[in-house]
Amino acid sequence: VWIFGYGSLVWRPGFEFTSRKVGFIRGYSRRFWQGDTFHRGSERMPGRVVTLLEERGACTWGVAYEVRGEQIAASLEYLNMREGVLGGYDTKLVKFHPQEKDAEEPILALVYIATPQNPSYLGPASEEDIAAQIIVSSGCAGHNIEYLLRLADFMRYFCPQAEDKHLFSIEEALISILPCLYCTEESPEET
């Protein structure tokens, strides 16, 4: 079984796997439209994490993990709790295209997608509003800022040829907001 990750699964799968491949799926774009009240946020301040939006001509890069034998049941049980129960994601099968030049056929992979029907779905917002929400959100897995920055780093280092304007626009908005947080604090010289 292959499992495609396009969010935190790219750097923290949390399950045993036999192999992994960087690549992409077609027909979907990555969006920070899913709320998170456990891993990267709280009930009071939900974080923003990614889901996939069906979009003709779009392409989303990530990592596919191959799980075999005893790994299958354990990984699916773990992911159904992490992504399904705690995250509100549904599963779908997609065609994964490995980045490797010698890859012939696409690989059928399982992917977790949050739909507008789930209660944690937040939907679209401006990049600035998404960045502002990310800045103030933190959960059991850490701060929401880490989630955004690690995903942006993955794209830069493993998929430098790929474009993800939504992701990088939110990162840019976050960086432009952060210095303002420090401007409002008194410096040691002022006290």
Protein backbone atom coordinates (compact mmCIF):
# COMPACT_ATOMS: atom_id res chain seq x y z
CA VAL A 1 0.00 0.00 0.00
CA TRP A 2 1.20 3.53 -0.80
CA ILE A 3 0.16 6.55 1.28
CA PHE A 4 0.58 10.09 -0.09
CA GLY A 5 1.34 12.92 2.33
CA TYR A 6 1.28 16.61 1.41
CA GLY A 7 1.27 18.28 4.86
CA SER A 8 3.05 17.25 8.06
CA LEU A 9 3.34 13.68 6.75
CA VAL A 10 6.18 14.87 4.48
CA TRP A 11 8.49 15.36 7.49
CA ARG A 12 6.75 13.43 10.28
CA PRO A 13 4.93 10.35 9.04
CA GLY A 14 4.70 8.75 12.49
CA PHE A 15 4.48 5.20 11.15
CA GLU A 16 6.90 2.57 9.87
CA PHE A 17 7.35 2.32 6.11
CA THR A 18 9.45 0.33 3.66
CA SER A 19 10.32 3.10 1.21
CA ARG A 20 9.42 6.69 0.35
CA LYS A 21 9.35 8.68 -2.87
CA VAL A 22 8.99 12.39 -3.53
CA GLY A 23 6.53 13.21 -6.31
CA PHE A 24 3.15 14.71 -7.10
CA ILE A 25 -0.50 14.11 -7.78
CA ARG A 26 -2.50 15.90 -10.47
CA GLY A 27 -5.90 17.56 -10.24
CA TYR A 28 -5.49 18.91 -6.70
CA SER A 29 -4.09 22.07 -5.13
CA ARG A 30 -2.89 22.35 -1.51
CA ARG A 31 -4.80 24.86 0.64
CA PHE A 32 -4.57 25.97 4.29
CA TRP A 33 -8.35 25.65 4.62
CA GLN A 34 -8.63 22.97 7.34
CA GLY A 35 -8.94 23.90 11.00
CA ASP A 36 -6.95 21.97 13.59
CA THR A 37 -7.98 21.92 17.24
CA PHE A 38 -5.60 19.16 18.35
CA HIS A 39 -2.20 18.93 16.61
CA ARG A 40 -1.57 22.60 15.69
CA GLY A 41 -4.32 24.47 17.50
CA SER A 42 -6.92 24.31 20.25
CA GLU A 43 -10.70 24.56 20.56
CA ARG A 44 -10.26 28.22 21.51
CA MET A 45 -7.75 28.98 18.74
CA PRO A 46 -7.85 26.49 15.87
CA GLY A 47 -4.71 26.24 13.80
CA ARG A 48 -4.66 26.14 9.99
CA VAL A 49 -3.41 23.02 8.24
CA VAL A 50 -3.58 21.88 4.64
CA THR A 51 -6.12 19.94 2.68
CA LEU A 52 -6.54 19.33 -1.03
CA LEU A 53 -8.93 21.12 -3.33
CA GLU A 54 -9.90 19.51 -6.61
CA GLU A 55 -8.65 21.83 -9.33
CA ARG A 56 -8.21 21.02 -12.97
CA GLY A 57 -4.61 21.39 -14.14
CA ALA A 58 -3.26 21.73 -10.60
CA CYS A 59 -0.44 19.66 -9.14
CA THR A 60 0.45 18.97 -5.49
CA TRP A 61 3.89 17.76 -4.45
CA GLY A 62 4.56 15.58 -1.45
CA VAL A 63 5.85 12.18 -0.35
CA ALA A 64 4.42 8.70 -0.93
CA TYR A 65 5.25 6.03 1.63
CA GLU A 66 5.20 2.34 0.83
CA VAL A 67 3.94 0.16 3.69
CA ARG A 68 4.09 -3.63 3.56
CA GLY A 69 3.04 -6.63 5.61
CA GLU A 70 2.50 -5.85 9.28
CA GLN A 71 3.19 -2.16 8.60
CA ILE A 72 -0.12 -1.83 6.71
CA ALA A 73 -2.57 -2.42 9.57
CA ALA A 74 -0.49 -0.43 12.07
CA SER A 75 -0.01 2.57 9.75
CA LEU A 76 -3.66 2.70 8.68
CA GLU A 77 -4.85 2.46 12.28
CA TYR A 78 -2.48 5.28 13.27
CA LEU A 79 -3.43 7.48 10.29
CA ASN A 80 -7.16 6.89 10.68
CA MET A 81 -6.85 8.24 14.23
CA ARG A 82 -4.43 11.09 13.36
CA GLU A 83 -6.05 12.23 10.13
CA GLY A 84 -9.59 10.83 10.31
CA VAL A 85 -10.80 10.96 13.92
CA LEU A 86 -8.66 13.89 15.16
CA GLY A 87 -8.38 15.75 11.85
CA GLY A 88 -11.71 15.20 10.09
CA TYR A 89 -10.12 13.92 6.87
CA ASP A 90 -11.62 11.35 4.46
CA THR A 91 -9.61 8.95 2.30
CA LYS A 92 -9.34 8.81 -1.47
CA LEU A 93 -7.23 6.94 -3.99
CA VAL A 94 -5.05 9.05 -6.29
CA LYS A 95 -2.40 8.48 -8.93
CA PHE A 96 1.01 9.41 -7.54
CA HIS A 97 3.79 10.33 -9.99
CA PRO A 98 7.28 9.76 -8.54
CA GLN A 99 9.89 12.45 -9.15
CA GLU A 100 12.41 9.82 -10.29
CA LYS A 101 13.21 10.00 -13.98
CA ASP A 102 13.03 6.23 -14.48
CA ALA A 103 9.52 5.91 -13.01
CA GLU A 104 7.20 4.47 -15.62
CA GLU A 105 3.65 4.19 -14.35
CA PRO A 106 1.94 6.28 -11.69
CA ILE A 107 1.40 4.52 -8.36
CA LEU A 108 -2.06 4.23 -6.81
CA ALA A 109 -1.88 5.84 -3.36
CA LEU A 110 -4.19 6.53 -0.46
CA VAL A 111 -4.55 10.21 0.50
CA TYR A 112 -6.39 12.00 3.32
CA ILE A 113 -8.48 15.00 2.24
CA ALA A 114 -10.61 17.30 4.40
CA THR A 115 -13.84 18.27 2.66
CA PRO A 116 -16.12 21.26 3.29
CA GLN A 117 -18.59 18.86 4.94
CA ASN A 118 -16.38 18.23 7.98
CA PRO A 119 -16.90 20.39 11.10
CA SER A 120 -13.27 21.59 11.23
CA TYR A 121 -13.25 22.90 7.66
CA LEU A 122 -12.51 26.64 7.67
CA GLY A 123 -12.46 27.35 3.94
CA PRO A 124 -10.77 30.18 2.10
CA ALA A 125 -9.33 33.33 3.65
CA SER A 126 -6.72 35.86 2.58
CA GLU A 127 -3.07 34.88 2.96
CA GLU A 128 -2.70 37.60 5.61
CA ASP A 129 -5.65 36.29 7.65
CA ILE A 130 -4.37 32.71 7.41
CA ALA A 131 -0.88 33.82 8.50
CA ALA A 132 -2.34 35.78 11.44
CA GLN A 133 -4.28 32.71 12.58
CA ILE A 134 -1.18 30.50 12.24
CA ILE A 135 0.87 32.91 14.37
CA VAL A 136 -1.45 32.60 17.38
CA SER A 137 -2.13 28.83 17.18
CA SER A 138 -0.40 25.96 18.93
CA GLY A 139 -1.38 22.38 19.75
CA CYS A 140 -0.12 18.99 20.98
CA ALA A 141 2.29 18.58 18.03
CA GLY A 142 3.73 22.10 18.37
CA HIS A 143 3.23 25.61 17.08
CA ASN A 144 1.34 26.19 13.85
CA ILE A 145 4.24 28.36 12.61
CA GLU A 146 6.49 25.29 12.63
CA TYR A 147 3.96 23.44 10.44
CA LEU A 148 3.95 26.21 7.83
CA LEU A 149 7.72 26.74 7.79
CA ARG A 150 8.59 23.02 7.64
CA LEU A 151 6.20 22.53 4.74
CA ALA A 152 7.73 25.50 2.89
CA ASP A 153 11.24 24.14 3.58
CA PHE A 154 10.24 20.71 2.23
CA MET A 155 9.03 22.31 -1.00
CA ARG A 156 12.22 24.37 -1.39
CA TYR A 157 14.63 21.50 -0.74
CA PHE A 158 12.87 18.48 -2.26
CA CYS A 159 10.73 20.05 -5.01
CA PRO A 160 12.55 23.23 -6.05
CA GLN A 161 11.03 23.08 -9.54
CA ALA A 162 7.46 23.08 -8.19
CA GLU A 163 5.31 26.14 -7.63
CA ASP A 164 3.01 26.52 -4.64
CA LYS A 165 1.95 30.16 -4.64
CA HIS A 166 -0.60 29.67 -1.86
CA LEU A 167 1.97 28.17 0.53
CA PHE A 168 4.71 30.68 -0.20
CA SER A 169 2.32 33.67 -0.07
CA ILE A 170 1.23 32.63 3.43
CA GLU A 171 4.86 32.19 4.47
CA GLU A 172 5.65 35.67 3.12
CA ALA A 173 2.65 37.17 4.95
CA LEU A 174 3.72 35.47 8.18
CA ILE A 175 7.26 36.83 7.91
CA SER A 176 5.95 40.35 7.24
CA ILE A 177 3.65 40.18 10.32
CA LEU A 178 6.16 38.69 12.79
CA PRO A 179 8.47 41.73 13.10
CA CYS A 180 5.42 43.82 14.09
CA LEU A 181 4.90 41.60 17.12
CA TYR A 182 8.38 42.55 18.31
CA CYS A 183 7.85 46.26 17.54
CA THR A 184 5.14 46.49 20.19
CA GLU A 185 7.31 45.08 22.97
CA GLU A 186 9.55 47.39 24.89
CA SER A 187 13.22 46.85 24.32
CA PRO A 188 15.50 46.52 27.41
CA GLU A 189 16.91 50.00 26.73
CA GLU A 190 13.44 51.58 26.99
CA THR A 191 12.71 50.21 30.47
